[in-house]
Amino acid sequence: MCRNIRVLYNFEPPTTPDEVEAAALQYVRKVSGLRAPSAADRVAFERAIHEVAHATEHLLEALSARTATRTREGEREKARARGLRRRIGAPAG
């Protein structure tokens, strides 16, 4: 998975439309291999972003959590811990 795409489900406060849009943009960039489309491909690129964001919103609405609600600070702490383990070569755990 693209490192820039973050988990969007089961957050307090809830995931914003801007977060969904940013994830959709990263997904379309990854799949297309393009950071920015040519003028000829711009409409298709933007349509794909909109469609991925729309599908993501429907998915997030349809899921029913069985785990504790996430917080953005908690997720940042987990990411920092993973980064530290990678830097020092410690096993995950």
N, C-alpha and C. Protein backbone atom coordinates (compact mmCIF):
# COMPACT_ATOMS: atom_id res chain seq x y z
N MET A 1 0.84 -1.17 0.00
CA MET A 1 0.00 0.00 0.00
C MET A 1 0.89 1.24 0.00
N CYS A 2 0.39 2.27 -0.60
CA CYS A 2 1.11 3.54 -0.63
C CYS A 2 1.25 4.09 0.78
N ARG A 3 2.42 4.48 1.17
CA ARG A 3 2.64 4.97 2.54
C ARG A 3 1.85 6.22 2.86
N ASN A 4 1.49 7.01 1.85
CA ASN A 4 0.76 8.25 2.10
C ASN A 4 -0.72 8.03 2.34
N ILE A 5 -1.22 6.84 2.05
CA ILE A 5 -2.63 6.56 2.29
C ILE A 5 -2.76 6.05 3.71
N ARG A 6 -3.59 6.71 4.48
CA ARG A 6 -3.76 6.39 5.89
C ARG A 6 -5.09 5.68 6.13
N VAL A 7 -5.16 4.97 7.23
CA VAL A 7 -6.43 4.38 7.65
C VAL A 7 -7.41 5.52 7.89
N LEU A 8 -8.62 5.37 7.38
CA LEU A 8 -9.63 6.42 7.52
C LEU A 8 -10.82 5.98 8.35
N TYR A 9 -10.88 4.73 8.70
CA TYR A 9 -12.06 4.17 9.34
C TYR A 9 -11.99 4.21 10.86
N ASN A 10 -13.14 4.47 11.48
CA ASN A 10 -13.34 4.34 12.92
C ASN A 10 -12.52 5.35 13.72
N PHE A 11 -12.61 6.62 13.32
CA PHE A 11 -11.89 7.69 14.01
C PHE A 11 -12.84 8.59 14.79
N GLU A 12 -12.31 9.15 15.85
CA GLU A 12 -13.00 10.18 16.61
C GLU A 12 -12.05 11.36 16.71
N PRO A 13 -12.36 12.54 16.18
CA PRO A 13 -13.56 12.85 15.42
C PRO A 13 -13.54 12.12 14.07
N PRO A 14 -14.72 11.99 13.44
CA PRO A 14 -14.82 11.23 12.19
C PRO A 14 -13.92 11.77 11.08
N THR A 15 -13.60 10.90 10.16
CA THR A 15 -12.80 11.26 8.99
C THR A 15 -13.50 12.36 8.21
N THR A 16 -12.74 13.33 7.75
CA THR A 16 -13.31 14.46 7.01
C THR A 16 -13.31 14.18 5.51
N PRO A 17 -14.15 14.88 4.76
CA PRO A 17 -14.13 14.75 3.30
C PRO A 17 -12.76 15.10 2.71
N ASP A 18 -12.04 16.05 3.31
CA ASP A 18 -10.70 16.40 2.83
C ASP A 18 -9.73 15.23 2.98
N GLU A 19 -9.84 14.50 4.07
CA GLU A 19 -8.98 13.32 4.28
C GLU A 19 -9.29 12.23 3.25
N VAL A 20 -10.57 12.04 2.97
CA VAL A 20 -10.98 11.05 1.97
C VAL A 20 -10.45 11.46 0.60
N GLU A 21 -10.58 12.73 0.27
CA GLU A 21 -10.11 13.25 -1.02
C GLU A 21 -8.59 13.09 -1.16
N ALA A 22 -7.85 13.38 -0.10
CA ALA A 22 -6.39 13.24 -0.13
C ALA A 22 -5.99 11.78 -0.35
N ALA A 23 -6.68 10.86 0.30
CA ALA A 23 -6.38 9.44 0.12
C ALA A 23 -6.71 9.01 -1.31
N ALA A 24 -7.82 9.50 -1.84
CA ALA A 24 -8.20 9.17 -3.22
C ALA A 24 -7.16 9.69 -4.20
N LEU A 25 -6.67 10.90 -3.98
CA LEU A 25 -5.62 11.46 -4.84
C LEU A 25 -4.37 10.58 -4.80
N GLN A 26 -3.95 10.18 -3.62
CA GLN A 26 -2.75 9.34 -3.51
C GLN A 26 -2.95 8.00 -4.20
N TYR A 27 -4.14 7.43 -4.05
CA TYR A 27 -4.44 6.15 -4.70
C TYR A 27 -4.37 6.29 -6.22
N VAL A 28 -5.01 7.32 -6.76
CA VAL A 28 -5.01 7.51 -8.22
C VAL A 28 -3.59 7.79 -8.72
N ARG A 29 -2.82 8.56 -7.98
CA ARG A 29 -1.42 8.79 -8.36
C ARG A 29 -0.64 7.48 -8.40
N LYS A 30 -0.83 6.66 -7.39
CA LYS A 30 -0.10 5.39 -7.31
C LYS A 30 -0.49 4.47 -8.46
N VAL A 31 -1.78 4.31 -8.67
CA VAL A 31 -2.26 3.39 -9.71
C VAL A 31 -1.87 3.87 -11.10
N SER A 32 -1.96 5.17 -11.34
CA SER A 32 -1.66 5.70 -12.67
C SER A 32 -0.16 5.86 -12.91
N GLY A 33 0.60 5.98 -11.83
CA GLY A 33 2.03 6.23 -11.97
C GLY A 33 2.33 7.68 -12.31
N LEU A 34 1.33 8.54 -12.14
CA LEU A 34 1.48 9.96 -12.48
C LEU A 34 1.29 10.82 -11.25
N ARG A 35 2.22 11.73 -11.04
CA ARG A 35 2.03 12.70 -9.96
C ARG A 35 1.03 13.75 -10.39
N ALA A 36 1.15 14.18 -11.64
CA ALA A 36 0.22 15.14 -12.22
C ALA A 36 -0.03 14.70 -13.66
N PRO A 37 -1.29 14.64 -14.06
CA PRO A 37 -1.59 14.18 -15.42
C PRO A 37 -1.30 15.25 -16.47
N SER A 38 -1.16 14.80 -17.71
CA SER A 38 -1.04 15.76 -18.82
C SER A 38 -2.39 16.44 -19.00
N ALA A 39 -2.41 17.50 -19.76
CA ALA A 39 -3.66 18.21 -20.02
C ALA A 39 -4.69 17.27 -20.65
N ALA A 40 -4.23 16.36 -21.51
CA ALA A 40 -5.13 15.42 -22.17
C ALA A 40 -5.75 14.43 -21.20
N ASP A 41 -5.06 14.13 -20.11
CA ASP A 41 -5.55 13.14 -19.15
C ASP A 41 -6.17 13.75 -17.90
N ARG A 42 -6.17 15.07 -17.78
CA ARG A 42 -6.63 15.73 -16.56
C ARG A 42 -8.07 15.36 -16.19
N VAL A 43 -8.98 15.37 -17.16
CA VAL A 43 -10.38 15.08 -16.87
C VAL A 43 -10.53 13.64 -16.34
N ALA A 44 -9.87 12.69 -16.97
CA ALA A 44 -9.95 11.30 -16.51
C ALA A 44 -9.35 11.14 -15.12
N PHE A 45 -8.25 11.82 -14.87
CA PHE A 45 -7.56 11.77 -13.58
C PHE A 45 -8.47 12.32 -12.48
N GLU A 46 -9.05 13.50 -12.72
CA GLU A 46 -9.93 14.12 -11.72
C GLU A 46 -11.21 13.32 -11.51
N ARG A 47 -11.75 12.74 -12.58
CA ARG A 47 -12.94 11.89 -12.45
C ARG A 47 -12.61 10.67 -11.59
N ALA A 48 -11.45 10.08 -11.80
CA ALA A 48 -11.05 8.91 -11.00
C ALA A 48 -10.93 9.29 -9.53
N ILE A 49 -10.35 10.44 -9.23
CA ILE A 49 -10.23 10.88 -7.84
C ILE A 49 -11.62 11.01 -7.21
N HIS A 50 -12.52 11.64 -7.92
CA HIS A 50 -13.89 11.82 -7.42
C HIS A 50 -14.57 10.47 -7.18
N GLU A 51 -14.43 9.55 -8.12
CA GLU A 51 -15.08 8.24 -7.99
C GLU A 51 -14.49 7.42 -6.85
N VAL A 52 -13.17 7.46 -6.69
CA VAL A 52 -12.53 6.74 -5.59
C VAL A 52 -12.97 7.34 -4.25
N ALA A 53 -13.01 8.66 -4.16
CA ALA A 53 -13.45 9.31 -2.92
C ALA A 53 -14.90 8.94 -2.61
N HIS A 54 -15.74 8.93 -3.61
CA HIS A 54 -17.15 8.58 -3.44
C HIS A 54 -17.29 7.13 -2.94
N ALA A 55 -16.58 6.22 -3.57
CA ALA A 55 -16.63 4.82 -3.15
C ALA A 55 -16.08 4.66 -1.73
N THR A 56 -15.05 5.41 -1.39
CA THR A 56 -14.47 5.35 -0.05
C THR A 56 -15.47 5.83 1.00
N GLU A 57 -16.17 6.91 0.71
CA GLU A 57 -17.18 7.41 1.65
C GLU A 57 -18.27 6.38 1.88
N HIS A 58 -18.72 5.72 0.81
CA HIS A 58 -19.74 4.67 0.95
C HIS A 58 -19.21 3.50 1.79
N LEU A 59 -17.98 3.12 1.56
CA LEU A 59 -17.38 2.03 2.33
C LEU A 59 -17.32 2.40 3.81
N LEU A 60 -16.83 3.57 4.12
CA LEU A 60 -16.70 3.99 5.52
C LEU A 60 -18.06 4.04 6.22
N GLU A 61 -19.10 4.46 5.49
CA GLU A 61 -20.45 4.52 6.06
C GLU A 61 -21.02 3.13 6.30
N ALA A 62 -20.65 2.16 5.48
CA ALA A 62 -21.23 0.82 5.56
C ALA A 62 -20.57 -0.08 6.59
N LEU A 63 -19.33 0.20 6.96
CA LEU A 63 -18.62 -0.66 7.91
C LEU A 63 -19.16 -0.49 9.32
N SER A 64 -19.08 -1.57 10.09
CA SER A 64 -19.48 -1.48 11.50
C SER A 64 -18.31 -1.98 12.34
N ALA A 65 -17.79 -1.08 13.16
CA ALA A 65 -16.57 -1.34 13.93
C ALA A 65 -16.81 -2.34 15.05
N ARG A 66 -15.80 -3.16 15.27
CA ARG A 66 -15.79 -4.08 16.40
C ARG A 66 -14.56 -3.83 17.27
N THR A 67 -13.88 -2.75 16.97
CA THR A 67 -12.66 -2.40 17.71
C THR A 67 -12.84 -1.02 18.33
N ALA A 68 -11.91 -0.66 19.18
CA ALA A 68 -11.95 0.66 19.82
C ALA A 68 -11.79 1.75 18.77
N THR A 69 -12.41 2.88 19.03
CA THR A 69 -12.30 4.03 18.14
C THR A 69 -10.86 4.53 18.15
N ARG A 70 -10.36 4.88 16.97
CA ARG A 70 -9.00 5.40 16.84
C ARG A 70 -8.99 6.90 17.05
N THR A 71 -7.82 7.40 17.46
CA THR A 71 -7.61 8.85 17.50
C THR A 71 -6.41 9.14 16.60
N ARG A 72 -6.38 10.32 16.06
CA ARG A 72 -5.27 10.69 15.18
C ARG A 72 -3.95 10.72 15.96
N GLU A 73 -4.00 11.19 17.20
CA GLU A 73 -2.78 11.21 18.00
C GLU A 73 -2.30 9.79 18.29
N GLY A 74 -3.20 8.89 18.58
CA GLY A 74 -2.82 7.49 18.81
C GLY A 74 -2.17 6.88 17.58
N GLU A 75 -2.70 7.18 16.41
CA GLU A 75 -2.13 6.66 15.16
C GLU A 75 -0.76 7.27 14.90
N ARG A 76 -0.59 8.58 15.22
CA ARG A 76 0.73 9.21 15.06
C ARG A 76 1.76 8.55 15.97
N GLU A 77 1.35 8.23 17.20
CA GLU A 77 2.26 7.56 18.14
C GLU A 77 2.67 6.18 17.63
N LYS A 78 1.72 5.44 17.08
CA LYS A 78 2.05 4.13 16.51
C LYS A 78 3.05 4.27 15.36
N ALA A 79 2.83 5.29 14.51
CA ALA A 79 3.74 5.52 13.38
C ALA A 79 5.14 5.89 13.87
N ARG A 80 5.21 6.73 14.90
CA ARG A 80 6.53 7.09 15.46
C ARG A 80 7.23 5.86 16.00
N ALA A 81 6.51 5.00 16.69
CA ALA A 81 7.10 3.78 17.25
C ALA A 81 7.60 2.86 16.13
N ARG A 82 6.81 2.73 15.05
CA ARG A 82 7.26 1.90 13.91
C ARG A 82 8.52 2.49 13.30
N GLY A 83 8.56 3.80 13.14
CA GLY A 83 9.75 4.46 12.58
C GLY A 83 10.97 4.25 13.44
N LEU A 84 10.79 4.36 14.75
CA LEU A 84 11.90 4.14 15.67
C LEU A 84 12.40 2.70 15.59
N ARG A 85 11.49 1.74 15.53
CA ARG A 85 11.90 0.33 15.40
C ARG A 85 12.67 0.10 14.11
N ARG A 86 12.24 0.74 13.03
CA ARG A 86 12.96 0.59 11.75
C ARG A 86 14.35 1.16 11.85
N ARG A 87 14.49 2.32 12.50
CA ARG A 87 15.80 2.98 12.61
C ARG A 87 16.77 2.16 13.46
N ILE A 88 16.27 1.54 14.52
CA ILE A 88 17.18 0.81 15.40
C ILE A 88 17.22 -0.68 15.07
N GLY A 89 16.37 -1.10 14.13
CA GLY A 89 16.38 -2.50 13.70
C GLY A 89 15.75 -3.45 14.69
N ALA A 90 14.90 -2.95 15.56
CA ALA A 90 14.23 -3.82 16.54
C ALA A 90 13.05 -4.52 15.88
N PRO A 91 12.75 -5.73 16.33
CA PRO A 91 11.59 -6.46 15.77
C PRO A 91 10.29 -5.80 16.21
N ALA A 92 9.27 -5.93 15.36
CA ALA A 92 7.94 -5.40 15.69
C ALA A 92 7.36 -6.22 16.82
N GLY A 93 6.55 -5.58 17.64
CA GLY A 93 5.96 -6.35 18.72
C GLY A 93 5.14 -5.60 19.60
